[in-house]
Amino acid sequence: MRNAIVLALSCAALAAGCRHRNAPPAQDAAVEVHGEVLTEDAENFGVEAAASPVRAYHAVTPMAGQCQHSDCLTHGWSSTTLSGAAATRCAEGDCAYGGWSTSRPDGGQIETRCRPHGCFAEGWTTEYPDGAAVEVRCTLGDCLGKGWIATSAGGETAETRCSLSDCRRNGWVTALEGRTITCRCRLGECRKNGAECRSTP
């Protein structure tokens, strides 16, 4: 009897937890969102920060998209969302020290500012229109060689590691809310060509 009750409660909890989840689409239903090719329901991925700032922060990850004028860290990058194009521009022509601003398709602005010693030596802070923020810290003082860790005010974290110790040429892998996002540099040079990213469960 006791086992039956436990089983019933477990099934009820499982059903409640899955009530609002949609069935994943077929693998060929990939979409590009802020430079990412996703094979799942991505309506809010990288767009709405309210539900999960750490999840959304990836939308403004440096070089995750197509570089403007062949130089992501000077001119910024562009990317595509389900609701239209998003554009990121470097502050004062220098993403490495000034940070960047991302214009979302809905007109909202996401602002990213570098820490005093530079975004890729120390890290950055990204603030969303709804007031949510994500703090990013470089691993061992070298974001583009070692990677970085992003943390929201609510304590959510996402860790990014550079592939073969070089995010500039090889790309990076991010462990983010139960999934892995793998970004590979276009033509072996993320700073000039940007990165193509794919999310997997």
N, C-alpha and C. Protein backbone atom coordinates (compact mmCIF):
# COMPACT_ATOMS: atom_id res chain seq x y z
N MET A 1 0.83 -1.20 0.00
CA MET A 1 0.00 0.00 0.00
C MET A 1 0.87 1.25 0.00
N ARG A 2 1.89 1.23 0.87
CA ARG A 2 2.77 2.38 0.95
C ARG A 2 3.46 2.64 -0.38
N ASN A 3 3.93 1.57 -1.05
CA ASN A 3 4.58 1.73 -2.36
C ASN A 3 3.62 2.30 -3.38
N ALA A 4 2.37 1.90 -3.30
CA ALA A 4 1.37 2.39 -4.25
C ALA A 4 1.15 3.89 -4.07
N ILE A 5 1.13 4.33 -2.79
CA ILE A 5 0.93 5.76 -2.52
C ILE A 5 2.12 6.57 -3.02
N VAL A 6 3.33 6.09 -2.74
CA VAL A 6 4.54 6.76 -3.20
C VAL A 6 4.55 6.84 -4.72
N LEU A 7 4.20 5.75 -5.38
CA LEU A 7 4.17 5.73 -6.83
C LEU A 7 3.16 6.73 -7.37
N ALA A 8 1.98 6.79 -6.73
CA ALA A 8 0.94 7.72 -7.18
C ALA A 8 1.40 9.16 -7.02
N LEU A 9 2.03 9.49 -5.88
CA LEU A 9 2.53 10.84 -5.66
C LEU A 9 3.62 11.20 -6.65
N SER A 10 4.50 10.26 -6.94
CA SER A 10 5.58 10.50 -7.91
C SER A 10 5.02 10.78 -9.28
N CYS A 11 4.03 10.01 -9.68
CA CYS A 11 3.42 10.22 -11.00
C CYS A 11 2.73 11.56 -11.07
N ALA A 12 2.06 11.96 -9.97
CA ALA A 12 1.36 13.25 -9.95
C ALA A 12 2.35 14.39 -10.05
N ALA A 13 3.47 14.28 -9.33
CA ALA A 13 4.50 15.33 -9.39
C ALA A 13 5.10 15.42 -10.77
N LEU A 14 5.35 14.27 -11.37
CA LEU A 14 5.92 14.26 -12.72
C LEU A 14 4.96 14.90 -13.71
N ALA A 15 3.70 14.58 -13.59
CA ALA A 15 2.71 15.15 -14.50
C ALA A 15 2.61 16.65 -14.33
N ALA A 16 2.66 17.12 -13.08
CA ALA A 16 2.58 18.56 -12.83
C ALA A 16 3.79 19.28 -13.38
N GLY A 17 4.97 18.67 -13.24
CA GLY A 17 6.18 19.32 -13.73
C GLY A 17 6.25 19.39 -15.23
N CYS A 18 5.55 18.49 -15.91
CA CYS A 18 5.63 18.46 -17.36
C CYS A 18 4.41 19.08 -18.03
N ARG A 19 3.47 19.60 -17.24
CA ARG A 19 2.20 20.05 -17.77
C ARG A 19 2.36 21.11 -18.85
N HIS A 20 3.31 22.03 -18.68
CA HIS A 20 3.42 23.15 -19.60
C HIS A 20 4.49 22.97 -20.66
N ARG A 21 5.09 21.81 -20.71
CA ARG A 21 6.13 21.58 -21.70
C ARG A 21 5.54 21.13 -23.02
N ASN A 22 6.09 21.66 -24.09
CA ASN A 22 5.66 21.24 -25.41
C ASN A 22 6.55 20.10 -25.88
N ALA A 23 6.03 19.23 -26.70
CA ALA A 23 6.84 18.16 -27.26
C ALA A 23 7.89 18.77 -28.17
N PRO A 24 9.14 18.28 -28.12
CA PRO A 24 10.19 18.85 -28.96
C PRO A 24 9.89 18.61 -30.43
N PRO A 25 10.23 19.60 -31.29
CA PRO A 25 9.99 19.43 -32.71
C PRO A 25 10.97 18.47 -33.32
N ALA A 26 10.74 18.12 -34.56
CA ALA A 26 11.65 17.23 -35.27
C ALA A 26 13.01 17.88 -35.39
N GLN A 27 14.05 17.05 -35.54
CA GLN A 27 15.40 17.56 -35.59
C GLN A 27 15.67 18.48 -36.77
N ASP A 28 14.85 18.40 -37.81
CA ASP A 28 15.10 19.27 -38.95
C ASP A 28 14.42 20.62 -38.80
N ALA A 29 13.78 20.86 -37.63
CA ALA A 29 13.10 22.13 -37.40
C ALA A 29 14.01 23.11 -36.69
N ALA A 30 15.24 23.20 -37.13
CA ALA A 30 16.22 24.08 -36.50
C ALA A 30 15.94 25.53 -36.86
N VAL A 31 16.17 26.42 -35.90
CA VAL A 31 16.03 27.84 -36.14
C VAL A 31 17.27 28.53 -35.61
N GLU A 32 17.56 29.71 -36.14
CA GLU A 32 18.71 30.47 -35.67
C GLU A 32 18.20 31.57 -34.76
N VAL A 33 18.73 31.62 -33.54
CA VAL A 33 18.35 32.62 -32.57
C VAL A 33 19.60 33.26 -32.02
N HIS A 34 19.79 34.53 -32.28
CA HIS A 34 21.00 35.23 -31.85
C HIS A 34 22.26 34.43 -32.20
N GLY A 35 22.32 33.98 -33.44
CA GLY A 35 23.50 33.26 -33.89
C GLY A 35 23.50 31.79 -33.51
N GLU A 36 22.44 31.30 -32.88
CA GLU A 36 22.40 29.91 -32.46
C GLU A 36 21.44 29.11 -33.32
N VAL A 37 21.83 27.91 -33.68
CA VAL A 37 20.93 27.02 -34.38
C VAL A 37 20.36 26.08 -33.34
N LEU A 38 19.06 26.21 -33.07
CA LEU A 38 18.41 25.45 -32.02
C LEU A 38 17.46 24.43 -32.61
N THR A 39 17.36 23.27 -31.99
CA THR A 39 16.47 22.23 -32.49
C THR A 39 15.37 21.96 -31.48
N GLU A 40 14.87 23.04 -30.85
CA GLU A 40 13.82 22.91 -29.86
C GLU A 40 13.01 24.18 -29.82
N ASP A 41 11.95 24.20 -29.01
CA ASP A 41 11.13 25.39 -28.86
C ASP A 41 12.00 26.51 -28.30
N ALA A 42 12.21 27.53 -29.09
CA ALA A 42 13.16 28.58 -28.70
C ALA A 42 12.52 29.96 -28.72
N GLU A 43 11.22 30.02 -28.50
CA GLU A 43 10.52 31.29 -28.61
C GLU A 43 11.14 32.39 -27.75
N ASN A 44 11.57 32.03 -26.54
CA ASN A 44 12.11 33.03 -25.64
C ASN A 44 13.61 32.88 -25.40
N PHE A 45 14.24 31.97 -26.10
CA PHE A 45 15.66 31.73 -25.84
C PHE A 45 16.48 32.95 -26.24
N GLY A 46 17.20 33.51 -25.28
CA GLY A 46 18.06 34.63 -25.58
C GLY A 46 17.32 35.91 -25.86
N VAL A 47 16.00 35.94 -25.62
CA VAL A 47 15.23 37.13 -25.92
C VAL A 47 14.63 37.72 -24.66
N GLU A 48 13.93 36.91 -23.86
CA GLU A 48 13.31 37.40 -22.64
C GLU A 48 14.18 37.05 -21.44
N ALA A 49 14.61 38.06 -20.71
CA ALA A 49 15.49 37.82 -19.58
C ALA A 49 14.74 37.54 -18.29
N ALA A 50 13.45 37.88 -18.22
CA ALA A 50 12.73 37.80 -16.96
C ALA A 50 12.70 36.38 -16.39
N ALA A 51 12.43 35.39 -17.21
CA ALA A 51 12.32 34.03 -16.72
C ALA A 51 13.66 33.47 -16.30
N SER A 52 14.71 33.80 -17.01
CA SER A 52 16.02 33.26 -16.70
C SER A 52 17.11 34.16 -17.29
N PRO A 53 17.63 35.10 -16.52
CA PRO A 53 18.67 35.99 -17.03
C PRO A 53 19.90 35.25 -17.55
N VAL A 54 20.27 34.17 -16.86
CA VAL A 54 21.46 33.45 -17.31
C VAL A 54 21.22 32.81 -18.67
N ARG A 55 20.01 32.28 -18.86
CA ARG A 55 19.71 31.70 -20.16
C ARG A 55 19.73 32.78 -21.24
N ALA A 56 19.19 33.93 -20.92
CA ALA A 56 19.10 35.01 -21.91
C ALA A 56 20.45 35.66 -22.18
N TYR A 57 21.38 35.59 -21.23
CA TYR A 57 22.63 36.30 -21.43
C TYR A 57 23.39 35.81 -22.66
N HIS A 58 23.15 34.56 -23.04
CA HIS A 58 23.89 34.03 -24.19
C HIS A 58 23.58 34.79 -25.47
N ALA A 59 22.45 35.48 -25.49
CA ALA A 59 22.08 36.26 -26.67
C ALA A 59 23.07 37.36 -26.96
N VAL A 60 23.76 37.84 -25.93
CA VAL A 60 24.71 38.93 -26.14
C VAL A 60 26.15 38.46 -25.93
N THR A 61 26.37 37.17 -26.06
CA THR A 61 27.73 36.65 -25.96
C THR A 61 28.56 37.19 -27.11
N PRO A 62 29.77 37.68 -26.82
CA PRO A 62 30.61 38.26 -27.88
C PRO A 62 30.83 37.29 -29.04
N MET A 63 30.68 37.80 -30.25
CA MET A 63 30.99 37.09 -31.49
C MET A 63 29.98 36.00 -31.84
N ALA A 64 28.89 35.83 -31.06
CA ALA A 64 27.90 34.80 -31.36
C ALA A 64 26.91 35.33 -32.39
N GLY A 65 27.33 35.32 -33.63
CA GLY A 65 26.53 35.84 -34.73
C GLY A 65 27.43 36.11 -35.93
N GLN A 66 27.04 37.05 -36.76
CA GLN A 66 27.82 37.43 -37.94
C GLN A 66 28.47 38.78 -37.68
N CYS A 67 29.79 38.85 -37.79
CA CYS A 67 30.51 40.10 -37.52
C CYS A 67 30.14 41.19 -38.51
N GLN A 68 30.07 42.41 -38.00
CA GLN A 68 29.88 43.57 -38.86
C GLN A 68 31.24 44.04 -39.37
N HIS A 69 31.33 44.29 -40.66
CA HIS A 69 32.56 44.79 -41.28
C HIS A 69 33.78 43.95 -40.92
N SER A 70 33.57 42.64 -40.81
CA SER A 70 34.66 41.67 -40.55
C SER A 70 35.43 41.95 -39.27
N ASP A 71 34.77 42.52 -38.27
CA ASP A 71 35.45 42.78 -37.00
C ASP A 71 34.42 42.88 -35.87
N CYS A 72 34.13 41.75 -35.24
CA CYS A 72 33.13 41.72 -34.18
C CYS A 72 33.49 42.61 -33.00
N LEU A 73 34.77 42.67 -32.65
CA LEU A 73 35.15 43.37 -31.43
C LEU A 73 35.38 44.86 -31.62
N THR A 74 35.18 45.33 -32.86
CA THR A 74 35.23 46.77 -33.13
C THR A 74 33.86 47.30 -33.56
N HIS A 75 33.21 46.56 -34.46
CA HIS A 75 31.95 47.02 -35.02
C HIS A 75 30.72 46.29 -34.49
N GLY A 76 30.92 45.15 -33.85
CA GLY A 76 29.80 44.39 -33.32
C GLY A 76 29.38 43.25 -34.23
N TRP A 77 28.18 42.72 -34.00
CA TRP A 77 27.71 41.56 -34.77
C TRP A 77 26.19 41.62 -34.90
N SER A 78 25.69 40.86 -35.84
CA SER A 78 24.25 40.78 -36.04
C SER A 78 23.81 39.33 -35.86
N SER A 79 22.56 39.16 -35.47
CA SER A 79 22.02 37.83 -35.27
C SER A 79 20.53 37.85 -35.56
N THR A 80 19.94 36.67 -35.61
CA THR A 80 18.54 36.54 -35.96
C THR A 80 17.75 35.91 -34.82
N THR A 81 16.58 36.45 -34.54
CA THR A 81 15.69 35.86 -33.55
C THR A 81 14.40 35.48 -34.25
N LEU A 82 13.53 34.77 -33.54
CA LEU A 82 12.27 34.38 -34.13
C LEU A 82 11.39 35.58 -34.45
N SER A 83 11.64 36.71 -33.78
CA SER A 83 10.84 37.91 -34.02
C SER A 83 11.54 38.94 -34.90
N GLY A 84 12.71 38.60 -35.43
CA GLY A 84 13.39 39.52 -36.33
C GLY A 84 14.88 39.64 -36.03
N ALA A 85 15.49 40.62 -36.68
CA ALA A 85 16.94 40.81 -36.56
C ALA A 85 17.31 41.56 -35.29
N ALA A 86 18.43 41.17 -34.70
CA ALA A 86 19.00 41.86 -33.54
C ALA A 86 20.39 42.34 -33.92
N ALA A 87 20.75 43.52 -33.45
CA ALA A 87 22.05 44.09 -33.80
C ALA A 87 22.81 44.47 -32.54
N THR A 88 24.07 44.11 -32.50
CA THR A 88 24.94 44.45 -31.38
C THR A 88 26.03 45.38 -31.88
N ARG A 89 26.25 46.47 -31.16
CA ARG A 89 27.26 47.46 -31.54
C ARG A 89 28.21 47.68 -30.37
N CYS A 90 29.49 47.79 -30.68
CA CYS A 90 30.50 48.03 -29.65
C CYS A 90 30.43 49.48 -29.18
N ALA A 91 30.57 49.68 -27.88
CA ALA A 91 30.59 51.02 -27.31
C ALA A 91 31.91 51.70 -27.70
N GLU A 92 31.80 52.87 -28.32
CA GLU A 92 32.97 53.64 -28.74
C GLU A 92 33.92 52.82 -29.61
N GLY A 93 33.36 51.91 -30.38
CA GLY A 93 34.17 51.11 -31.30
C GLY A 93 35.13 50.15 -30.65
N ASP A 94 34.83 49.75 -29.40
CA ASP A 94 35.77 48.87 -28.69
C ASP A 94 35.00 47.98 -27.72
N CYS A 95 34.61 46.80 -28.19
CA CYS A 95 33.89 45.86 -27.32
C CYS A 95 34.78 45.35 -26.19
N ALA A 96 36.08 45.26 -26.42
CA ALA A 96 36.98 44.67 -25.43
C ALA A 96 37.09 45.51 -24.16
N TYR A 97 36.92 46.84 -24.27
CA TYR A 97 37.04 47.70 -23.09
C TYR A 97 35.80 48.55 -22.83
N GLY A 98 35.03 48.83 -23.88
CA GLY A 98 33.86 49.67 -23.69
C GLY A 98 32.57 48.90 -23.47
N GLY A 99 32.54 47.65 -23.95
CA GLY A 99 31.32 46.87 -23.86
C GLY A 99 30.49 46.97 -25.13
N TRP A 100 29.21 46.64 -25.07
CA TRP A 100 28.37 46.64 -26.27
C TRP A 100 26.90 46.80 -25.92
N SER A 101 26.12 47.21 -26.91
CA SER A 101 24.67 47.36 -26.77
C SER A 101 23.99 46.49 -27.81
N THR A 102 22.98 45.76 -27.39
CA THR A 102 22.22 44.91 -28.31
C THR A 102 20.81 45.45 -28.45
N SER A 103 20.42 45.75 -29.69
CA SER A 103 19.07 46.22 -29.99
C SER A 103 18.21 45.02 -30.35
N ARG A 104 17.20 44.75 -29.56
CA ARG A 104 16.32 43.63 -29.81
C ARG A 104 15.26 43.99 -30.84
N PRO A 105 14.66 43.00 -31.49
CA PRO A 105 13.63 43.27 -32.49
C PRO A 105 12.44 44.03 -31.95
N ASP A 106 12.15 43.88 -30.64
CA ASP A 106 11.01 44.58 -30.05
C ASP A 106 11.34 46.01 -29.64
N GLY A 107 12.56 46.45 -29.92
CA GLY A 107 12.96 47.80 -29.59
C GLY A 107 13.70 47.93 -28.28
N GLY A 108 13.73 46.88 -27.48
CA GLY A 108 14.43 46.92 -26.20
C GLY A 108 15.95 46.93 -26.38
N GLN A 109 16.63 47.49 -25.40
CA GLN A 109 18.09 47.57 -25.43
C GLN A 109 18.68 46.74 -24.29
N ILE A 110 19.66 45.92 -24.61
CA ILE A 110 20.43 45.18 -23.61
C ILE A 110 21.81 45.80 -23.56
N GLU A 111 22.22 46.25 -22.40
CA GLU A 111 23.49 46.95 -22.25
C GLU A 111 24.52 46.08 -21.54
N THR A 112 25.71 46.01 -22.12
CA THR A 112 26.81 45.25 -21.54
C THR A 112 28.00 46.18 -21.32
N ARG A 113 28.54 46.18 -20.10
CA ARG A 113 29.66 47.04 -19.77
C ARG A 113 30.80 46.21 -19.19
N CYS A 114 32.01 46.55 -19.61
CA CYS A 114 33.20 45.83 -19.15
C CYS A 114 33.59 46.21 -17.73
N ARG A 115 34.23 45.29 -17.06
CA ARG A 115 34.86 45.60 -15.78
C ARG A 115 36.11 46.43 -16.04
N PRO A 116 36.64 47.06 -15.00
CA PRO A 116 37.73 48.04 -15.20
C PRO A 116 38.92 47.57 -16.03
N HIS A 117 39.29 46.30 -15.94
CA HIS A 117 40.46 45.82 -16.68
C HIS A 117 40.10 45.21 -18.03
N GLY A 118 38.88 45.42 -18.47
CA GLY A 118 38.49 44.94 -19.79
C GLY A 118 37.58 43.72 -19.72
N CYS A 119 36.72 43.61 -20.72
CA CYS A 119 35.77 42.50 -20.75
C CYS A 119 36.44 41.15 -20.81
N PHE A 120 37.54 41.03 -21.54
CA PHE A 120 38.12 39.71 -21.79
C PHE A 120 39.27 39.37 -20.86
N ALA A 121 39.57 40.30 -19.93
CA ALA A 121 40.55 40.02 -18.89
C ALA A 121 39.85 39.84 -17.54
N GLU A 122 38.77 40.59 -17.34
CA GLU A 122 38.10 40.56 -16.04
C GLU A 122 36.64 40.11 -16.13
N GLY A 123 35.95 40.53 -17.17
CA GLY A 123 34.56 40.13 -17.32
C GLY A 123 33.66 41.31 -17.64
N TRP A 124 32.34 41.10 -17.57
CA TRP A 124 31.39 42.15 -17.92
C TRP A 124 30.08 41.97 -17.16
N THR A 125 29.26 43.01 -17.22
CA THR A 125 27.92 42.98 -16.64
C THR A 125 26.92 43.29 -17.73
N THR A 126 25.89 42.45 -17.86
CA THR A 126 24.84 42.66 -18.85
C THR A 126 23.54 42.98 -18.13
N GLU A 127 22.90 44.09 -18.53
CA GLU A 127 21.64 44.51 -17.93
C GLU A 127 20.54 44.50 -18.97
N TYR A 128 19.37 43.96 -18.58
CA TYR A 128 18.23 43.82 -19.48
C TYR A 128 17.18 44.88 -19.20
N PRO A 129 16.30 45.14 -20.16
CA PRO A 129 15.28 46.19 -19.98
C PRO A 129 14.38 45.98 -18.76
N ASP A 130 14.20 44.73 -18.34
CA ASP A 130 13.32 44.46 -17.20
C ASP A 130 14.05 44.58 -15.86
N GLY A 131 15.33 44.99 -15.91
CA GLY A 131 16.09 45.17 -14.69
C GLY A 131 16.94 43.98 -14.29
N ALA A 132 16.75 42.85 -14.95
CA ALA A 132 17.57 41.68 -14.65
C ALA A 132 19.01 41.94 -15.09
N ALA A 133 19.94 41.30 -14.42
CA ALA A 133 21.36 41.48 -14.74
C ALA A 133 22.11 40.17 -14.59
N VAL A 134 23.18 40.05 -15.36
CA VAL A 134 24.06 38.89 -15.29
C VAL A 134 25.49 39.38 -15.15
N GLU A 135 26.20 38.82 -14.18
CA GLU A 135 27.61 39.15 -13.96
C GLU A 135 28.47 38.05 -14.58
N VAL A 136 29.44 38.45 -15.37
CA VAL A 136 30.33 37.49 -16.03
C VAL A 136 31.76 37.72 -15.53
N ARG A 137 32.40 36.64 -15.14
CA ARG A 137 33.80 36.70 -14.67
C ARG A 137 34.66 35.80 -15.54
N CYS A 138 35.79 36.32 -15.98
CA CYS A 138 36.71 35.53 -16.79
C CYS A 138 37.39 34.47 -15.94
N THR A 139 37.63 33.32 -16.53
CA THR A 139 38.35 32.25 -15.86
C THR A 139 39.85 32.52 -15.94
N LEU A 140 40.49 32.59 -14.80
CA LEU A 140 41.94 32.84 -14.71
C LEU A 140 42.36 34.09 -15.50
N GLY A 141 41.48 35.09 -15.51
CA GLY A 141 41.82 36.36 -16.14
C GLY A 141 41.95 36.32 -17.64
N ASP A 142 41.32 35.34 -18.28
CA ASP A 142 41.47 35.21 -19.74
C ASP A 142 40.20 34.61 -20.34
N CYS A 143 39.22 35.47 -20.63
CA CYS A 143 37.96 34.99 -21.18
C CYS A 143 38.13 34.31 -22.53
N LEU A 144 38.98 34.86 -23.39
CA LEU A 144 39.10 34.33 -24.74
C LEU A 144 40.09 33.18 -24.86
N GLY A 145 40.73 32.83 -23.74
CA GLY A 145 41.62 31.68 -23.73
C GLY A 145 41.10 30.57 -22.84
N LYS A 146 40.52 30.95 -21.71
CA LYS A 146 40.06 29.95 -20.73
C LYS A 146 38.54 29.84 -20.65
N GLY A 147 37.85 30.95 -20.91
CA GLY A 147 36.39 30.94 -20.81
C GLY A 147 35.90 31.86 -19.72
N TRP A 148 34.63 31.68 -19.30
CA TRP A 148 34.04 32.57 -18.31
C TRP A 148 32.87 31.88 -17.61
N ILE A 149 32.45 32.48 -16.49
CA ILE A 149 31.29 31.99 -15.75
C ILE A 149 30.31 33.14 -15.58
N ALA A 150 29.06 32.92 -15.94
CA ALA A 150 28.00 33.92 -15.81
C ALA A 150 27.10 33.55 -14.64
N THR A 151 26.73 34.57 -13.85
CA THR A 151 25.88 34.34 -12.68
C THR A 151 24.80 35.41 -12.62
N SER A 152 23.56 34.98 -12.36
CA SER A 152 22.46 35.93 -12.21
C SER A 152 22.29 36.27 -10.75
N ALA A 153 21.48 37.31 -10.47
CA ALA A 153 21.22 37.71 -9.09
C ALA A 153 20.54 36.59 -8.32
N GLY A 154 19.80 35.73 -9.04
CA GLY A 154 19.12 34.62 -8.39
C GLY A 154 20.00 33.41 -8.13
N GLY A 155 21.27 33.50 -8.55
CA GLY A 155 22.20 32.41 -8.29
C GLY A 155 22.38 31.41 -9.41
N GLU A 156 21.64 31.56 -10.52
CA GLU A 156 21.83 30.67 -11.66
C GLU A 156 23.21 30.91 -12.26
N THR A 157 23.84 29.85 -12.73
CA THR A 157 25.15 30.00 -13.34
C THR A 157 25.23 29.27 -14.67
N ALA A 158 26.14 29.72 -15.50
CA ALA A 158 26.44 29.05 -16.75
C ALA A 158 27.95 29.16 -16.96
N GLU A 159 28.58 28.04 -17.24
CA GLU A 159 30.03 28.03 -17.43
C GLU A 159 30.37 27.83 -18.90
N THR A 160 31.28 28.67 -19.40
CA THR A 160 31.75 28.58 -20.78
C THR A 160 33.23 28.26 -20.78
N ARG A 161 33.61 27.29 -21.61
CA ARG A 161 35.02 26.93 -21.76
C ARG A 161 35.43 27.06 -23.21
N CYS A 162 36.58 27.63 -23.43
CA CYS A 162 37.08 27.79 -24.80
C CYS A 162 37.52 26.44 -25.35
N SER A 163 37.18 26.19 -26.59
CA SER A 163 37.61 24.95 -27.26
C SER A 163 39.09 25.02 -27.56
N LEU A 164 39.83 24.02 -27.12
CA LEU A 164 41.28 23.95 -27.32
C LEU A 164 41.97 25.24 -26.86
N SER A 165 41.45 25.80 -25.76
CA SER A 165 42.03 26.99 -25.12
C SER A 165 42.11 28.21 -26.02
N ASP A 166 41.18 28.33 -26.97
CA ASP A 166 41.20 29.49 -27.86
C ASP A 166 39.79 29.78 -28.39
N CYS A 167 39.09 30.66 -27.68
CA CYS A 167 37.74 31.04 -28.13
C CYS A 167 37.80 31.84 -29.43
N ARG A 168 38.91 32.53 -29.69
CA ARG A 168 39.02 33.39 -30.88
C ARG A 168 39.00 32.58 -32.17
N ARG A 169 39.63 31.41 -32.16
CA ARG A 169 39.78 30.63 -33.38
C ARG A 169 38.96 29.34 -33.40
N ASN A 170 38.74 28.77 -32.23
CA ASN A 170 38.08 27.47 -32.18
C ASN A 170 36.64 27.53 -31.69
N GLY A 171 36.30 28.59 -30.95
CA GLY A 171 34.96 28.70 -30.41
C GLY A 171 34.90 28.29 -28.95
N TRP A 172 33.69 27.94 -28.48
CA TRP A 172 33.51 27.66 -27.06
C TRP A 172 32.31 26.74 -26.84
N VAL A 173 32.24 26.21 -25.62
CA VAL A 173 31.13 25.35 -25.22
C VAL A 173 30.56 25.89 -23.91
N THR A 174 29.25 26.08 -23.87
CA THR A 174 28.59 26.62 -22.67
C THR A 174 27.64 25.58 -22.10
N ALA A 175 27.79 25.31 -20.80
CA ALA A 175 26.85 24.46 -20.07
C ALA A 175 25.78 25.37 -19.50
N LEU A 176 24.55 25.24 -20.00
CA LEU A 176 23.51 26.21 -19.70
C LEU A 176 22.17 25.54 -19.44
N GLU A 177 21.73 25.54 -18.17
CA GLU A 177 20.42 25.02 -17.80
C GLU A 177 20.08 23.66 -18.40
N GLY A 178 20.93 22.70 -18.18
CA GLY A 178 20.65 21.35 -18.63
C GLY A 178 20.91 21.09 -20.10
N ARG A 179 21.51 22.03 -20.77
CA ARG A 179 21.83 21.83 -22.18
C ARG A 179 23.27 22.27 -22.43
N THR A 180 23.77 21.94 -23.59
CA THR A 180 25.10 22.36 -23.99
C THR A 180 24.99 23.18 -25.27
N ILE A 181 25.62 24.33 -25.28
CA ILE A 181 25.65 25.16 -26.48
C ILE A 181 27.07 25.16 -27.00
N THR A 182 27.25 24.65 -28.20
CA THR A 182 28.58 24.57 -28.81
C THR A 182 28.66 25.61 -29.92
N CYS A 183 29.63 26.49 -29.82
CA CYS A 183 29.83 27.55 -30.82
C CYS A 183 31.17 27.33 -31.53
N ARG A 184 31.12 27.33 -32.85
CA ARG A 184 32.33 27.14 -33.64
C ARG A 184 32.58 28.37 -34.50
N CYS A 185 33.83 28.78 -34.54
CA CYS A 185 34.18 29.97 -35.32
C CYS A 185 33.99 29.73 -36.81
N ARG A 186 33.43 30.70 -37.49
CA ARG A 186 33.32 30.63 -38.94
C ARG A 186 34.71 30.81 -39.55
N LEU A 187 35.09 29.90 -40.42
CA LEU A 187 36.38 29.96 -41.11
C LEU A 187 37.55 30.12 -40.14
N GLY A 188 37.41 29.55 -38.95
CA GLY A 188 38.52 29.54 -37.98
C GLY A 188 38.87 30.87 -37.39
N GLU A 189 37.94 31.84 -37.43
CA GLU A 189 38.26 33.16 -36.89
C GLU A 189 36.98 33.85 -36.41
N CYS A 190 36.71 33.72 -35.12
CA CYS A 190 35.48 34.31 -34.57
C CYS A 190 35.52 35.83 -34.59
N ARG A 191 36.67 36.43 -34.37
CA ARG A 191 36.74 37.89 -34.31
C ARG A 191 36.40 38.54 -35.63
N LYS A 192 36.68 37.86 -36.73
CA LYS A 192 36.39 38.42 -38.05
C LYS A 192 35.07 37.94 -38.63
N ASN A 193 34.73 36.69 -38.36
CA ASN A 193 33.58 36.07 -39.03
C ASN A 193 32.42 35.70 -38.11
N GLY A 194 32.65 35.75 -36.81
CA GLY A 194 31.61 35.36 -35.88
C GLY A 194 31.55 33.86 -35.67
N ALA A 195 30.54 33.40 -34.94
CA ALA A 195 30.43 31.99 -34.59
C ALA A 195 29.05 31.46 -34.90
N GLU A 196 29.01 30.18 -35.27
CA GLU A 196 27.77 29.44 -35.45
C GLU A 196 27.60 28.56 -34.22
N CYS A 197 26.43 28.60 -33.61
CA CYS A 197 26.21 27.87 -32.37
C CYS A 197 25.06 26.89 -32.50
N ARG A 198 25.19 25.77 -31.81
CA ARG A 198 24.14 24.76 -31.81
C ARG A 198 23.86 24.31 -30.38
N SER A 199 22.59 24.25 -30.05
CA SER A 199 22.17 23.83 -28.72
C SER A 199 21.71 22.38 -28.75
N THR A 200 22.17 21.60 -27.77
CA THR A 200 21.76 20.22 -27.64
C THR A 200 21.34 19.96 -26.20
N PRO A 201 20.37 19.05 -25.97
CA PRO A 201 19.92 18.75 -24.61
C PRO A 201 21.05 18.20 -23.76
